[in-house]
């Protein structure tokens, strides 16, 4: 039951332990959060997670995670049902956005909120669709696909740098090694041609990122990650694919995945270019 609103809202940073509550809110909204995501989220920016409280009880949440001096990403914008429409969300939003300073801020917005985001200075860049389903697992492991632990972390960070708007070594180091996360790399001619991560989530296992040089590399990784998901008991997977890479949607449909819902990637200003043809699946809708 949502707490009663009988006092003023206060907004302050949240701890990883407190953020477990927000993960449960996200699950109630059908967002299918990863079960252990908070470890890597907080590794990137421990001060980027905020709770709004009324009479000491959490009623709203948001994250504004900074990556470098130029880029931040907003996610987890939530207000408890029954307390919406009282201004708690907007107050939490304003308090947390100050954490970004003058950085460009990105977000993945659901259709119902996109007009509100535009009024706050965000501009739509492209759409992302979530594809969900069961990928047939091949009889033999995909050729050239190895565990990420066999690859120099600095080499993977360099590959990631071309696919994300900011360097994120702290996040990546944690994301690849968080218990439950399975990370695979595609090796071609002795060098990485892509990598991906799958992790257990509230419902379907979540894949992200899925970065690859070619559709063939992405297909090998997707098949390998689907097999890894079976290892922790999930036959179904979910991956968020940007429309900026049409080959991503073709791969999803070829593997029997179906589009479910979409979001819009939006920014408040310019961002560092990425190799869009390599981005077959974004890392998370919460952190970009």
C-alpha atoms as a PDB file:
ATOM      1  CA  UNK A   1       0.000   0.000   0.000  1.00  0.00           C
ATOM      2  CA  UNK A   2       1.314   3.465  -0.848  1.00  0.00           C
ATOM      3  CA  UNK A   3       1.987   5.678   2.154  1.00  0.00           C
ATOM      4  CA  UNK A   4      -0.324   8.562   2.921  1.00  0.00           C
ATOM      5  CA  UNK A   5       0.852  12.030   1.949  1.00  0.00           C
ATOM      6  CA  UNK A   6       0.614  14.250   5.006  1.00  0.00           C
ATOM      7  CA  UNK A   7       3.792  16.322   4.887  1.00  0.00           C
ATOM      8  CA  UNK A   8       6.258  18.028   2.573  1.00  0.00           C
ATOM      9  CA  UNK A   9       8.434  16.095   0.149  1.00  0.00           C
ATOM     10  CA  UNK A  10      12.166  15.858   0.799  1.00  0.00           C
ATOM     11  CA  UNK A  11      14.613  14.535  -1.822  1.00  0.00           C
ATOM     12  CA  UNK A  12      17.960  13.003  -0.902  1.00  0.00           C
ATOM     13  CA  UNK A  13      20.454  10.460  -2.285  1.00  0.00           C
ATOM     14  CA  UNK A  14      19.595   6.789  -1.922  1.00  0.00           C
ATOM     15  CA  UNK A  15      21.827   3.923  -0.810  1.00  0.00           C
ATOM     16  CA  UNK A  16      22.108   0.651  -2.736  1.00  0.00           C
ATOM     17  CA  UNK A  17      20.095  -1.025   0.015  1.00  0.00           C
ATOM     18  CA  UNK A  18      17.301   1.537  -0.332  1.00  0.00           C
ATOM     19  CA  UNK A  19      17.350   1.120  -4.108  1.00  0.00           C
ATOM     20  CA  UNK A  20      16.111  -2.443  -3.752  1.00  0.00           C
ATOM     21  CA  UNK A  21      12.710  -0.895  -3.030  1.00  0.00           C
ATOM     22  CA  UNK A  22      12.845   1.061  -6.291  1.00  0.00           C
ATOM     23  CA  UNK A  23      13.640  -2.134  -8.182  1.00  0.00           C
ATOM     24  CA  UNK A  24      10.432  -3.607  -6.787  1.00  0.00           C
ATOM     25  CA  UNK A  25       8.497  -0.517  -7.934  1.00  0.00           C
ATOM     26  CA  UNK A  26       9.957  -0.955 -11.426  1.00  0.00           C
ATOM     27  CA  UNK A  27       8.877  -4.597 -11.418  1.00  0.00           C
ATOM     28  CA  UNK A  28       5.339  -3.561 -10.520  1.00  0.00           C
ATOM     29  CA  UNK A  29       5.368  -1.233 -13.541  1.00  0.00           C
ATOM     30  CA  UNK A  30       6.312  -4.154 -15.814  1.00  0.00           C
ATOM     31  CA  UNK A  31       9.807  -2.808 -16.541  1.00  0.00           C
ATOM     32  CA  UNK A  32      11.449  -6.185 -15.851  1.00  0.00           C
ATOM     33  CA  UNK A  33      14.499  -4.900 -13.942  1.00  0.00           C
ATOM     34  CA  UNK A  34      17.612  -7.043 -13.599  1.00  0.00           C
ATOM     35  CA  UNK A  35      17.872  -8.722 -10.219  1.00  0.00           C
ATOM     36  CA  UNK A  36      21.422  -7.524  -9.474  1.00  0.00           C
ATOM     37  CA  UNK A  37      21.700  -4.359 -11.562  1.00  0.00           C
ATOM     38  CA  UNK A  38      22.185  -1.967  -8.653  1.00  0.00           C
ATOM     39  CA  UNK A  39      25.744  -3.159  -8.017  1.00  0.00           C
ATOM     40  CA  UNK A  40      26.948  -1.901 -11.394  1.00  0.00           C
ATOM     41  CA  UNK A  41      24.640   1.123 -11.411  1.00  0.00           C
ATOM     42  CA  UNK A  42      26.119   2.434  -8.160  1.00  0.00           C
ATOM     43  CA  UNK A  43      29.659   1.596  -9.287  1.00  0.00           C
ATOM     44  CA  UNK A  44      29.340   4.236 -11.996  1.00  0.00           C
ATOM     45  CA  UNK A  45      27.974   7.081  -9.866  1.00  0.00           C
ATOM     46  CA  UNK A  46      27.126   6.358  -6.219  1.00  0.00           C
ATOM     47  CA  UNK A  47      25.567   9.807  -5.798  1.00  0.00           C
ATOM     48  CA  UNK A  48      23.268   9.586  -8.808  1.00  0.00           C
ATOM     49  CA  UNK A  49      20.246   7.887  -7.201  1.00  0.00           C
ATOM     50  CA  UNK A  50      17.520   9.806  -5.401  1.00  0.00           C
ATOM     51  CA  UNK A  51      14.435   9.133  -3.303  1.00  0.00           C
ATOM     52  CA  UNK A  52      11.626  11.516  -2.500  1.00  0.00           C
ATOM     53  CA  UNK A  53      10.178  10.982   0.951  1.00  0.00           C
ATOM     54  CA  UNK A  54       7.039  12.140   2.742  1.00  0.00           C
ATOM     55  CA  UNK A  55       7.078  11.702   6.505  1.00  0.00           C
ATOM     56  CA  UNK A  56      10.191   9.575   6.020  1.00  0.00           C
ATOM     57  CA  UNK A  57       8.461   7.134   3.675  1.00  0.00           C
ATOM     58  CA  UNK A  58       9.754   6.763   0.080  1.00  0.00           C
ATOM     59  CA  UNK A  59       7.170   7.928  -2.451  1.00  0.00           C
ATOM     60  CA  UNK A  60       9.226   8.803  -5.569  1.00  0.00           C
ATOM     61  CA  UNK A  61      12.509   7.939  -7.228  1.00  0.00           C
ATOM     62  CA  UNK A  62      14.825   8.947 -10.048  1.00  0.00           C
ATOM     63  CA  UNK A  63      18.405   8.336 -11.125  1.00  0.00           C
ATOM     64  CA  UNK A  64      20.667  10.841 -12.864  1.00  0.00           C
ATOM     65  CA  UNK A  65      23.931   9.026 -13.405  1.00  0.00           C
ATOM     66  CA  UNK A  66      26.951  11.003 -14.586  1.00  0.00           C
ATOM     67  CA  UNK A  67      29.548   9.438 -16.882  1.00  0.00           C
ATOM     68  CA  UNK A  68      32.008  12.242 -17.577  1.00  0.00           C
ATOM     69  CA  UNK A  69      32.038  16.039 -17.734  1.00  0.00           C
ATOM     70  CA  UNK A  70      29.729  16.046 -20.771  1.00  0.00           C
ATOM     71  CA  UNK A  71      27.140  13.276 -20.386  1.00  0.00           C
ATOM     72  CA  UNK A  72      24.619  11.947 -17.871  1.00  0.00           C
ATOM     73  CA  UNK A  73      21.645   9.614 -18.128  1.00  0.00           C
ATOM     74  CA  UNK A  74      18.270   9.779 -16.400  1.00  0.00           C
ATOM     75  CA  UNK A  75      16.191   6.747 -15.439  1.00  0.00           C
ATOM     76  CA  UNK A  76      13.934   5.170 -12.821  1.00  0.00           C
ATOM     77  CA  UNK A  77      11.531   8.122 -12.837  1.00  0.00           C
ATOM     78  CA  UNK A  78       8.782   6.726 -10.616  1.00  0.00           C
ATOM     79  CA  UNK A  79       6.071   7.890  -8.239  1.00  0.00           C
ATOM     80  CA  UNK A  80       4.089   5.435  -6.144  1.00  0.00           C
ATOM     81  CA  UNK A  81       0.554   4.780  -7.392  1.00  0.00           C
ATOM     82  CA  UNK A  82      -1.985   6.709  -5.360  1.00  0.00           C
ATOM     83  CA  UNK A  83       0.424   9.611  -4.879  1.00  0.00           C
ATOM     84  CA  UNK A  84       0.685  10.733  -8.479  1.00  0.00           C
ATOM     85  CA  UNK A  85      -0.559  14.128  -9.551  1.00  0.00           C
ATOM     86  CA  UNK A  86       0.552  15.773  -6.303  1.00  0.00           C
ATOM     87  CA  UNK A  87       3.758  17.282  -7.647  1.00  0.00           C
ATOM     88  CA  UNK A  88       6.087  14.754  -6.036  1.00  0.00           C
ATOM     89  CA  UNK A  89       7.456  13.562  -9.367  1.00  0.00           C
ATOM     90  CA  UNK A  90       8.278  17.019 -10.685  1.00  0.00           C
ATOM     91  CA  UNK A  91       9.907  18.056  -7.413  1.00  0.00           C
ATOM     92  CA  UNK A  92      12.041  14.913  -7.397  1.00  0.00           C
ATOM     93  CA  UNK A  93      12.931  15.461 -11.059  1.00  0.00           C
ATOM     94  CA  UNK A  94      14.115  19.014 -10.463  1.00  0.00           C
ATOM     95  CA  UNK A  95      16.169  18.149  -7.401  1.00  0.00           C
ATOM     96  CA  UNK A  96      17.902  15.219  -9.110  1.00  0.00           C
ATOM     97  CA  UNK A  97      18.619  16.991 -12.401  1.00  0.00           C
ATOM     98  CA  UNK A  98      20.804  19.454 -10.541  1.00  0.00           C
ATOM     99  CA  UNK A  99      23.219  16.544 -10.102  1.00  0.00           C
ATOM    100  CA  UNK A 100      23.854  16.584 -13.881  1.00  0.00           C
ATOM    101  CA  UNK A 101      25.079  20.177 -13.860  1.00  0.00           C
ATOM    102  CA  UNK A 102      25.529  21.441 -17.403  1.00  0.00           C
ATOM    103  CA  UNK A 103      25.980  17.986 -18.932  1.00  0.00           C
ATOM    104  CA  UNK A 104      23.822  16.729 -21.778  1.00  0.00           C
ATOM    105  CA  UNK A 105      21.276  14.349 -20.265  1.00  0.00           C
ATOM    106  CA  UNK A 106      19.818  11.340 -22.069  1.00  0.00           C
ATOM    107  CA  UNK A 107      16.805   9.189 -21.242  1.00  0.00           C
ATOM    108  CA  UNK A 108      14.599   6.457 -22.688  1.00  0.00           C
ATOM    109  CA  UNK A 109      11.040   7.707 -22.379  1.00  0.00           C
ATOM    110  CA  UNK A 110       7.798   5.753 -22.542  1.00  0.00           C
ATOM    111  CA  UNK A 111       5.225   7.233 -24.950  1.00  0.00           C
ATOM    112  CA  UNK A 112       2.973   8.567 -22.165  1.00  0.00           C
ATOM    113  CA  UNK A 113       5.766  10.785 -20.812  1.00  0.00           C
ATOM    114  CA  UNK A 114       7.466  11.994 -23.983  1.00  0.00           C
ATOM    115  CA  UNK A 115       5.519  15.264 -24.239  1.00  0.00           C
ATOM    116  CA  UNK A 116       6.448  16.060 -20.648  1.00  0.00           C
ATOM    117  CA  UNK A 117      10.099  15.402 -21.418  1.00  0.00           C
ATOM    118  CA  UNK A 118       9.954  17.695 -24.438  1.00  0.00           C
ATOM    119  CA  UNK A 119       8.633  20.473 -22.244  1.00  0.00           C
ATOM    120  CA  UNK A 120      11.673  19.915 -20.038  1.00  0.00           C
ATOM    121  CA  UNK A 121      14.067  20.426 -22.932  1.00  0.00           C
ATOM    122  CA  UNK A 122      14.508  16.897 -24.278  1.00  0.00           C
ATOM    123  CA  UNK A 123      14.491  16.187 -28.019  1.00  0.00           C
ATOM    124  CA  UNK A 124      13.721  12.792 -29.559  1.00  0.00           C
ATOM    125  CA  UNK A 125      16.661  11.163 -31.350  1.00  0.00           C
ATOM    126  CA  UNK A 126      15.235   7.722 -32.233  1.00  0.00           C
ATOM    127  CA  UNK A 127      12.981   4.939 -31.015  1.00  0.00           C
ATOM    128  CA  UNK A 128      13.924   1.694 -29.286  1.00  0.00           C
ATOM    129  CA  UNK A 129      11.763  -1.441 -29.293  1.00  0.00           C
ATOM    130  CA  UNK A 130      11.920  -4.288 -26.802  1.00  0.00           C
ATOM    131  CA  UNK A 131      11.939  -7.714 -28.447  1.00  0.00           C
ATOM    132  CA  UNK A 132      10.928 -10.690 -26.329  1.00  0.00           C
ATOM    133  CA  UNK A 133      10.744 -14.417 -26.887  1.00  0.00           C
ATOM    134  CA  UNK A 134      12.515 -17.752 -26.845  1.00  0.00           C
ATOM    135  CA  UNK A 135      15.577 -18.151 -29.042  1.00  0.00           C
ATOM    136  CA  UNK A 136      16.310 -21.737 -30.121  1.00  0.00           C
ATOM    137  CA  UNK A 137      19.603 -22.828 -28.588  1.00  0.00           C
ATOM    138  CA  UNK A 138      22.052 -24.313 -31.110  1.00  0.00           C
ATOM    139  CA  UNK A 139      23.386 -27.831 -30.594  1.00  0.00           C
ATOM    140  CA  UNK A 140      26.972 -26.566 -30.564  1.00  0.00           C
ATOM    141  CA  UNK A 141      28.330 -23.354 -29.040  1.00  0.00           C
ATOM    142  CA  UNK A 142      28.541 -20.518 -31.593  1.00  0.00           C
ATOM    143  CA  UNK A 143      31.935 -20.349 -33.266  1.00  0.00           C
ATOM    144  CA  UNK A 144      34.317 -17.725 -31.935  1.00  0.00           C
ATOM    145  CA  UNK A 145      32.235 -16.877 -28.859  1.00  0.00           C
ATOM    146  CA  UNK A 146      34.161 -16.959 -25.570  1.00  0.00           C
ATOM    147  CA  UNK A 147      33.628 -15.855 -21.983  1.00  0.00           C
ATOM    148  CA  UNK A 148      34.507 -12.201 -21.434  1.00  0.00           C
ATOM    149  CA  UNK A 149      36.899 -13.206 -18.658  1.00  0.00           C
ATOM    150  CA  UNK A 150      39.268 -14.491 -21.333  1.00  0.00           C
ATOM    151  CA  UNK A 151      39.631 -11.042 -22.906  1.00  0.00           C
ATOM    152  CA  UNK A 152      41.696  -8.107 -21.648  1.00  0.00           C
ATOM    153  CA  UNK A 153      39.263  -5.715 -19.900  1.00  0.00           C
ATOM    154  CA  UNK A 154      41.034  -2.730 -21.469  1.00  0.00           C
ATOM    155  CA  UNK A 155      40.365  -4.176 -24.925  1.00  0.00           C
ATOM    156  CA  UNK A 156      36.670  -4.588 -24.134  1.00  0.00           C
ATOM    157  CA  UNK A 157      36.500  -1.063 -22.717  1.00  0.00           C
ATOM    158  CA  UNK A 158      37.966   0.247 -25.962  1.00  0.00           C
ATOM    159  CA  UNK A 159      35.304  -1.619 -27.953  1.00  0.00           C
ATOM    160  CA  UNK A 160      32.578  -0.306 -25.670  1.00  0.00           C
ATOM    161  CA  UNK A 161      33.877   3.259 -26.089  1.00  0.00           C
ATOM    162  CA  UNK A 162      32.891   3.228 -29.764  1.00  0.00           C
ATOM    163  CA  UNK A 163      29.312   2.194 -28.931  1.00  0.00           C
ATOM    164  CA  UNK A 164      28.443   4.465 -25.999  1.00  0.00           C
ATOM    165  CA  UNK A 165      28.313   8.242 -25.656  1.00  0.00           C
ATOM    166  CA  UNK A 166      30.873   8.306 -22.839  1.00  0.00           C
ATOM    167  CA  UNK A 167      33.640   6.164 -21.420  1.00  0.00           C
ATOM    168  CA  UNK A 168      32.332   4.009 -18.558  1.00  0.00           C
ATOM    169  CA  UNK A 169      35.129   1.768 -17.238  1.00  0.00           C
ATOM    170  CA  UNK A 170      33.781   1.642 -13.663  1.00  0.00           C
ATOM    171  CA  UNK A 171      30.335   0.577 -14.798  1.00  0.00           C
ATOM    172  CA  UNK A 172      31.676  -1.886 -17.337  1.00  0.00           C
ATOM    173  CA  UNK A 173      34.051  -3.578 -14.916  1.00  0.00           C
ATOM    174  CA  UNK A 174      31.145  -4.233 -12.555  1.00  0.00           C
ATOM    175  CA  UNK A 175      28.574  -5.070 -15.255  1.00  0.00           C
ATOM    176  CA  UNK A 176      30.773  -7.801 -16.703  1.00  0.00           C
ATOM    177  CA  UNK A 177      31.471  -9.453 -13.345  1.00  0.00           C
ATOM    178  CA  UNK A 178      28.346  -8.944 -11.219  1.00  0.00           C
ATOM    179  CA  UNK A 179      27.216 -12.352  -9.877  1.00  0.00           C
ATOM    180  CA  UNK A 180      24.567 -13.759 -12.190  1.00  0.00           C
ATOM    181  CA  UNK A 181      25.657 -11.703 -15.193  1.00  0.00           C
ATOM    182  CA  UNK A 182      27.062 -13.748 -18.088  1.00  0.00           C
ATOM    183  CA  UNK A 183      29.280 -11.837 -20.541  1.00  0.00           C
ATOM    184  CA  UNK A 184      30.429 -13.204 -23.910  1.00  0.00           C
ATOM    185  CA  UNK A 185      32.808 -11.879 -26.567  1.00  0.00           C
ATOM    186  CA  UNK A 186      32.905 -12.710 -30.256  1.00  0.00           C
ATOM    187  CA  UNK A 187      36.486 -13.191 -31.483  1.00  0.00           C
ATOM    188  CA  UNK A 188      37.319 -12.884 -35.185  1.00  0.00           C
ATOM    189  CA  UNK A 189      40.910 -12.999 -36.441  1.00  0.00           C
ATOM    190  CA  UNK A 190      42.179 -12.712 -32.892  1.00  0.00           C
ATOM    191  CA  UNK A 191      40.323  -9.520 -31.942  1.00  0.00           C
ATOM    192  CA  UNK A 192      36.903  -8.707 -30.455  1.00  0.00           C
ATOM    193  CA  UNK A 193      34.152  -8.311 -33.041  1.00  0.00           C
ATOM    194  CA  UNK A 194      31.450  -7.707 -30.431  1.00  0.00           C
ATOM    195  CA  UNK A 195      30.327  -8.495 -26.919  1.00  0.00           C
ATOM    196  CA  UNK A 196      27.118  -8.935 -24.970  1.00  0.00           C
ATOM    197  CA  UNK A 197      25.772  -9.530 -21.476  1.00  0.00           C
ATOM    198  CA  UNK A 198      22.729 -11.429 -20.253  1.00  0.00           C
ATOM    199  CA  UNK A 199      21.426 -11.309 -16.684  1.00  0.00           C
ATOM    200  CA  UNK A 200      18.469 -12.703 -14.740  1.00  0.00           C
ATOM    201  CA  UNK A 201      15.568 -10.300 -14.357  1.00  0.00           C
ATOM    202  CA  UNK A 202      12.113 -10.132 -12.851  1.00  0.00           C
ATOM    203  CA  UNK A 203      10.627 -11.911 -15.865  1.00  0.00           C
ATOM    204  CA  UNK A 204      12.536 -12.650 -19.086  1.00  0.00           C
ATOM    205  CA  UNK A 205      16.330 -12.611 -18.928  1.00  0.00           C
ATOM    206  CA  UNK A 206      17.601  -9.230 -20.113  1.00  0.00           C
ATOM    207  CA  UNK A 207      20.303  -8.932 -22.779  1.00  0.00           C
ATOM    208  CA  UNK A 208      22.300  -5.723 -22.927  1.00  0.00           C
ATOM    209  CA  UNK A 209      24.473  -4.518 -24.320  1.00  0.00           C
ATOM    210  CA  UNK A 210      24.608  -6.392 -27.602  1.00  0.00           C
ATOM    211  CA  UNK A 211      27.375  -4.711 -29.601  1.00  0.00           C
ATOM    212  CA  UNK A 212      28.818  -6.326 -32.727  1.00  0.00           C
ATOM    213  CA  UNK A 213      30.677  -5.508 -35.934  1.00  0.00           C
ATOM    214  CA  UNK A 214      28.254  -7.353 -38.219  1.00  0.00           C
ATOM    215  CA  UNK A 215      24.837  -9.044 -38.100  1.00  0.00           C
ATOM    216  CA  UNK A 216      26.616 -12.411 -38.168  1.00  0.00           C
ATOM    217  CA  UNK A 217      28.658 -11.478 -35.111  1.00  0.00           C
ATOM    218  CA  UNK A 218      25.514 -10.244 -33.350  1.00  0.00           C
ATOM    219  CA  UNK A 219      23.664 -13.472 -34.218  1.00  0.00           C
ATOM    220  CA  UNK A 220      26.451 -15.620 -32.761  1.00  0.00           C
ATOM    221  CA  UNK A 221      26.428 -13.575 -29.570  1.00  0.00           C
ATOM    222  CA  UNK A 222      22.638 -13.606 -29.292  1.00  0.00           C
ATOM    223  CA  UNK A 223      22.572 -17.387 -29.634  1.00  0.00           C
ATOM    224  CA  UNK A 224      25.322 -17.757 -27.048  1.00  0.00           C
ATOM    225  CA  UNK A 225      23.628 -15.416 -24.598  1.00  0.00           C
ATOM    226  CA  UNK A 226      20.302 -17.226 -25.016  1.00  0.00           C
ATOM    227  CA  UNK A 227      22.084 -20.465 -24.104  1.00  0.00           C
ATOM    228  CA  UNK A 228      23.618 -18.778 -21.051  1.00  0.00           C
ATOM    229  CA  UNK A 229      20.148 -17.625 -19.977  1.00  0.00           C
ATOM    230  CA  UNK A 230      18.987 -21.227 -19.992  1.00  0.00           C
ATOM    231  CA  UNK A 231      21.766 -21.859 -17.494  1.00  0.00           C
ATOM    232  CA  UNK A 232      19.988 -19.723 -14.893  1.00  0.00           C
ATOM    233  CA  UNK A 233      16.556 -21.072 -15.770  1.00  0.00           C
ATOM    234  CA  UNK A 234      15.221 -18.553 -18.276  1.00  0.00           C
ATOM    235  CA  UNK A 235      14.138 -19.779 -21.694  1.00  0.00           C
ATOM    236  CA  UNK A 236      12.825 -16.352 -22.675  1.00  0.00           C
ATOM    237  CA  UNK A 237      14.947 -13.276 -23.271  1.00  0.00           C
ATOM    238  CA  UNK A 238      14.315  -9.568 -23.774  1.00  0.00           C
ATOM    239  CA  UNK A 239      16.561  -7.131 -25.652  1.00  0.00           C
ATOM    240  CA  UNK A 240      16.045  -3.419 -26.371  1.00  0.00           C
ATOM    241  CA  UNK A 241      16.985  -2.676 -29.983  1.00  0.00           C
ATOM    242  CA  UNK A 242      17.390   0.807 -31.494  1.00  0.00           C
ATOM    243  CA  UNK A 243      15.748   1.644 -34.800  1.00  0.00           C
ATOM    244  CA  UNK A 244      18.995   3.341 -35.867  1.00  0.00           C
ATOM    245  CA  UNK A 245      20.322  -0.145 -36.712  1.00  0.00           C
ATOM    246  CA  UNK A 246      17.708  -1.870 -38.927  1.00  0.00           C
ATOM    247  CA  UNK A 247      19.768  -5.067 -38.898  1.00  0.00           C
ATOM    248  CA  UNK A 248      18.951  -5.434 -35.191  1.00  0.00           C
ATOM    249  CA  UNK A 249      15.220  -5.792 -35.775  1.00  0.00           C
ATOM    250  CA  UNK A 250      15.827  -8.197 -38.636  1.00  0.00           C
ATOM    251  CA  UNK A 251      17.960 -10.377 -36.372  1.00  0.00           C
ATOM    252  CA  UNK A 252      15.319 -10.350 -33.640  1.00  0.00           C
ATOM    253  CA  UNK A 253      12.580 -11.424 -36.040  1.00  0.00           C
ATOM    254  CA  UNK A 254      14.789 -14.110 -37.590  1.00  0.00           C
ATOM    255  CA  UNK A 255      15.298 -15.564 -34.113  1.00  0.00           C
ATOM    256  CA  UNK A 256      11.567 -15.547 -33.360  1.00  0.00           C
ATOM    257  CA  UNK A 257      11.484 -12.560 -31.013  1.00  0.00           C
ATOM    258  CA  UNK A 258       8.486 -10.245 -31.071  1.00  0.00           C
ATOM    259  CA  UNK A 259       8.322  -6.488 -30.420  1.00  0.00           C
ATOM    260  CA  UNK A 260       6.419  -5.617 -27.256  1.00  0.00           C
ATOM    261  CA  UNK A 261       6.731  -1.950 -26.276  1.00  0.00           C
ATOM    262  CA  UNK A 262       8.828   0.976 -27.413  1.00  0.00           C
ATOM    263  CA  UNK A 263      10.580   3.946 -25.877  1.00  0.00           C
ATOM    264  CA  UNK A 264      12.157   7.071 -27.345  1.00  0.00           C
ATOM    265  CA  UNK A 265      15.792   7.971 -26.778  1.00  0.00           C
ATOM    266  CA  UNK A 266      15.855  11.675 -25.992  1.00  0.00           C
ATOM    267  CA  UNK A 267      18.631  14.178 -25.215  1.00  0.00           C
ATOM    268  CA  UNK A 268      18.907  17.709 -23.909  1.00  0.00           C
ATOM    269  CA  UNK A 269      21.875  18.539 -26.151  1.00  0.00           C
ATOM    270  CA  UNK A 270      24.664  17.126 -28.308  1.00  0.00           C
ATOM    271  CA  UNK A 271      26.259  13.755 -27.567  1.00  0.00           C
ATOM    272  CA  UNK A 272      29.430  12.018 -28.663  1.00  0.00           C
ATOM    273  CA  UNK A 273      28.778  10.028 -31.861  1.00  0.00           C
ATOM    274  CA  UNK A 274      28.684   6.236 -31.661  1.00  0.00           C
ATOM    275  CA  UNK A 275      29.089   3.434 -34.196  1.00  0.00           C
ATOM    276  CA  UNK A 276      25.345   2.941 -34.632  1.00  0.00           C
ATOM    277  CA  UNK A 277      25.784  -0.027 -36.956  1.00  0.00           C
ATOM    278  CA  UNK A 278      27.388  -1.915 -34.058  1.00  0.00           C
ATOM    279  CA  UNK A 279      24.596  -1.278 -31.527  1.00  0.00           C
ATOM    280  CA  UNK A 280      22.200  -4.214 -31.780  1.00  0.00           C
ATOM    281  CA  UNK A 281      20.954  -3.858 -28.200  1.00  0.00           C
ATOM    282  CA  UNK A 282      21.299  -1.032 -25.687  1.00  0.00           C
ATOM    283  CA  UNK A 283      22.783  -1.791 -22.292  1.00  0.00           C
ATOM    284  CA  UNK A 284      19.764  -0.772 -20.199  1.00  0.00           C
ATOM    285  CA  UNK A 285      16.850   1.632 -20.500  1.00  0.00           C
ATOM    286  CA  UNK A 286      17.815   2.914 -17.055  1.00  0.00           C
ATOM    287  CA  UNK A 287      21.456   3.867 -17.754  1.00  0.00           C
ATOM    288  CA  UNK A 288      21.655   4.075 -21.516  1.00  0.00           C
END
